[in-house]
Amino acid sequence: MSKATFATVWLDGCSGCHMSFLDIDEFLLDLADKIELVYSPLVDNKDFPEMVEVTLVEGAVSNADDYEKIQYIRQHTRTLISLGDCAVTGNVPSMRNPFFVDEVIDRAYNENVTINPQVPHIGVPELRPWVVPVHTIVPVDVYVPGCPPSAALIKHVLTELLEGRKPDLSDIARFG
């Protein structure tokens, strides 16, 4: 039996969704028999593969790197899952939306600094004007709400997908 290729991605979020993924505990052992983890902040491989069966995306799209990354990932993923409220709604990262990017940068790197205020430029991706959920940039196949989603909910979604079914979350997950 061939294993399904599987990836996890972390955009602008806190990594709580990845922690909930790890909280599926002994189910990870069952999962290891069914999937091959080919890309994730949890593994060393830094190049997204040519095609992945299932990708979990945590976080909102807030900078130029996120924007390019999610487009590439969508083109190279069969089933894309928005995992958690940041990916589904923008959640906490989108709290900067009422402000101009220049105001946010000035506040963070100049106003609140007492020694050597400066805006970092090297290796820092440009912020987009608005923080947005994943589905505003690319089509999403499954939405998994929660901040973070429970381990039980993540386990349910993965079990359904690996059994060839689209997860029905209407009775077990709540949006908002």
Protein backbone atom coordinates (compact mmCIF):
# COMPACT_ATOMS: atom_id res chain seq x y z
CA MET A 1 0.00 0.00 0.00
CA SER A 2 1.47 3.35 -0.96
CA LYS A 3 1.45 6.16 1.53
CA ALA A 4 -0.26 9.49 0.88
CA THR A 5 2.12 12.42 0.70
CA PHE A 6 1.40 14.95 3.42
CA ALA A 7 2.64 18.44 4.22
CA THR A 8 2.07 21.11 6.83
CA VAL A 9 2.72 24.81 6.28
CA TRP A 10 3.04 27.67 8.73
CA LEU A 11 2.22 31.15 7.45
CA ASP A 12 1.42 34.09 9.79
CA GLY A 13 0.24 32.41 12.98
CA CYS A 14 1.45 31.27 16.37
CA SER A 15 2.11 27.56 15.66
CA GLY A 16 -0.74 26.54 17.98
CA CYS A 17 -2.33 24.54 15.17
CA HIS A 18 0.88 22.57 14.70
CA MET A 19 0.91 21.93 18.46
CA SER A 20 -2.66 20.60 18.24
CA PHE A 21 -1.59 18.41 15.32
CA LEU A 22 1.14 16.95 17.54
CA ASP A 23 -1.45 16.48 20.32
CA ILE A 24 -3.12 13.71 18.34
CA ASP A 25 -0.64 11.60 20.32
CA GLU A 26 -0.68 7.87 19.55
CA PHE A 27 -2.72 8.51 16.39
CA LEU A 28 0.54 9.93 15.00
CA LEU A 29 1.85 6.35 14.99
CA ASP A 30 -1.18 5.15 13.02
CA LEU A 31 -0.79 8.15 10.73
CA ALA A 32 2.87 7.31 10.11
CA ASP A 33 1.74 4.02 8.55
CA LYS A 34 -0.53 5.88 6.10
CA ILE A 35 1.31 9.08 5.20
CA GLU A 36 4.74 10.28 4.20
CA LEU A 37 5.47 13.69 5.73
CA VAL A 38 7.25 15.40 2.84
CA TYR A 39 7.26 19.05 3.95
CA SER A 40 6.71 20.78 7.29
CA PRO A 41 8.35 23.04 9.85
CA LEU A 42 8.59 19.74 11.76
CA VAL A 43 11.06 18.19 9.25
CA ASP A 44 14.29 19.21 7.55
CA ASN A 45 13.12 19.24 3.92
CA LYS A 46 12.81 22.92 2.93
CA ASP A 47 11.63 22.44 -0.67
CA PHE A 48 7.94 21.86 -1.30
CA PRO A 49 7.54 18.76 -3.50
CA GLU A 50 6.16 18.72 -7.03
CA MET A 51 2.82 17.26 -5.82
CA VAL A 52 1.39 16.56 -2.37
CA GLU A 53 -1.85 14.72 -1.60
CA VAL A 54 -2.84 16.69 1.52
CA THR A 55 -1.48 19.96 2.90
CA LEU A 56 -2.50 21.53 6.20
CA VAL A 57 -1.99 25.32 6.17
CA GLU A 58 -1.79 27.21 9.44
CA GLY A 59 -1.81 31.01 9.50
CA ALA A 60 -3.00 33.98 7.51
CA VAL A 61 -1.41 35.56 4.45
CA SER A 62 0.30 38.74 5.64
CA ASN A 63 3.49 39.27 3.66
CA ALA A 64 4.96 38.82 0.20
CA ASP A 65 6.51 35.44 1.07
CA ASP A 66 3.20 34.06 2.41
CA TYR A 67 1.44 35.22 -0.76
CA GLU A 68 3.92 33.53 -3.11
CA LYS A 69 4.19 30.41 -0.94
CA ILE A 70 0.43 29.75 -0.73
CA GLN A 71 0.02 30.11 -4.50
CA TYR A 72 2.85 27.66 -5.15
CA ILE A 73 1.50 25.23 -2.54
CA ARG A 74 -2.02 25.34 -3.99
CA GLN A 75 -0.68 24.53 -7.46
CA HIS A 76 1.18 21.54 -6.01
CA THR A 77 -1.46 20.17 -3.60
CA ARG A 78 -4.49 18.01 -4.31
CA THR A 79 -6.34 18.72 -1.04
CA LEU A 80 -5.63 22.00 0.73
CA ILE A 81 -6.85 22.39 4.31
CA SER A 82 -7.12 25.76 6.08
CA LEU A 83 -6.22 24.75 9.61
CA GLY A 84 -7.29 27.09 12.40
CA ASP A 85 -8.88 30.49 12.67
CA CYS A 86 -5.92 32.43 11.27
CA ALA A 87 -6.04 30.45 8.02
CA VAL A 88 -9.86 30.40 7.97
CA THR A 89 -10.66 34.01 8.97
CA GLY A 90 -7.40 35.96 9.37
CA ASN A 91 -7.97 36.00 13.17
CA VAL A 92 -5.29 37.65 15.33
CA PRO A 93 -2.80 38.53 12.54
CA SER A 94 -5.56 40.53 10.80
CA MET A 95 -5.88 42.81 13.83
CA ARG A 96 -3.34 45.07 12.12
CA ASN A 97 -5.73 45.66 9.19
CA PRO A 98 -7.22 48.93 10.54
CA PHE A 99 -3.74 50.47 10.39
CA PHE A 100 -1.46 51.38 7.50
CA VAL A 101 1.58 49.13 7.14
CA ASP A 102 3.92 52.12 7.61
CA GLU A 103 2.20 52.93 10.92
CA VAL A 104 2.60 49.37 12.15
CA ILE A 105 6.29 49.26 11.22
CA ASP A 106 6.97 52.66 12.77
CA ARG A 107 5.23 51.68 16.00
CA ALA A 108 7.09 48.37 16.27
CA TYR A 109 10.59 49.46 15.28
CA ASN A 110 10.83 53.17 16.10
CA GLU A 111 8.27 54.35 18.67
CA ASN A 112 8.64 51.44 21.09
CA VAL A 113 12.44 51.21 20.95
CA THR A 114 14.78 53.03 23.32
CA ILE A 115 18.15 51.86 21.95
CA ASN A 116 19.08 51.86 18.27
CA PRO A 117 15.65 52.14 16.62
CA GLN A 118 15.74 50.82 13.06
CA VAL A 119 13.53 48.96 10.66
CA PRO A 120 15.01 45.60 9.60
CA HIS A 121 15.27 45.14 5.85
CA ILE A 122 17.59 42.20 5.22
CA GLY A 123 15.73 38.90 4.94
CA VAL A 124 12.40 40.41 6.02
CA PRO A 125 9.53 39.98 3.55
CA GLU A 126 7.44 43.02 2.66
CA LEU A 127 4.14 43.24 4.53
CA ARG A 128 1.02 43.18 2.39
CA PRO A 129 -1.47 46.02 2.92
CA TRP A 130 -4.02 43.60 4.41
CA VAL A 131 -3.76 40.33 6.29
CA VAL A 132 -6.20 37.88 4.71
CA PRO A 133 -7.35 34.27 5.18
CA VAL A 134 -5.98 31.64 2.81
CA HIS A 135 -9.18 31.25 0.75
CA THR A 136 -9.02 34.87 -0.43
CA ILE A 137 -5.81 34.02 -2.30
CA VAL A 138 -6.33 30.39 -3.39
CA PRO A 139 -9.17 27.83 -3.38
CA VAL A 140 -9.42 25.80 -0.17
CA ASP A 141 -10.89 22.29 -0.01
CA VAL A 142 -11.50 21.87 3.74
CA TYR A 143 -11.90 24.47 6.49
CA VAL A 144 -11.01 23.44 10.05
CA PRO A 145 -11.91 26.19 12.55
CA GLY A 146 -10.55 26.69 16.03
CA CYS A 147 -7.89 28.62 17.84
CA PRO A 148 -6.38 26.15 17.77
CA PRO A 149 -8.56 23.32 16.45
CA SER A 150 -8.74 20.44 18.90
CA ALA A 151 -6.60 17.37 18.36
CA ALA A 152 -9.81 15.32 18.10
CA LEU A 153 -11.06 17.53 15.26
CA ILE A 154 -7.75 17.29 13.39
CA LYS A 155 -7.75 13.52 13.86
CA HIS A 156 -11.31 13.31 12.50
CA VAL A 157 -10.42 15.39 9.42
CA LEU A 158 -7.31 13.35 8.64
CA THR A 159 -9.09 10.03 9.20
CA GLU A 160 -11.89 11.03 6.82
CA LEU A 161 -9.49 12.23 4.13
CA LEU A 162 -7.33 9.12 4.35
CA GLU A 163 -10.47 7.00 4.00
CA GLY A 164 -11.29 8.89 0.80
CA ARG A 165 -14.15 10.97 2.25
CA LYS A 166 -14.56 14.73 2.47
CA PRO A 167 -14.86 15.56 6.18
CA ASP A 168 -18.27 16.77 7.35
CA LEU A 169 -17.63 19.16 10.23
CA SER A 170 -21.17 20.50 10.56
CA ASP A 171 -21.93 18.67 13.83
CA ILE A 172 -18.47 18.69 15.41
CA ALA A 173 -16.88 22.07 14.66
CA ARG A 174 -18.03 25.60 15.26
CA PHE A 175 -16.97 28.57 13.19
CA GLY A 176 -16.47 31.87 15.03
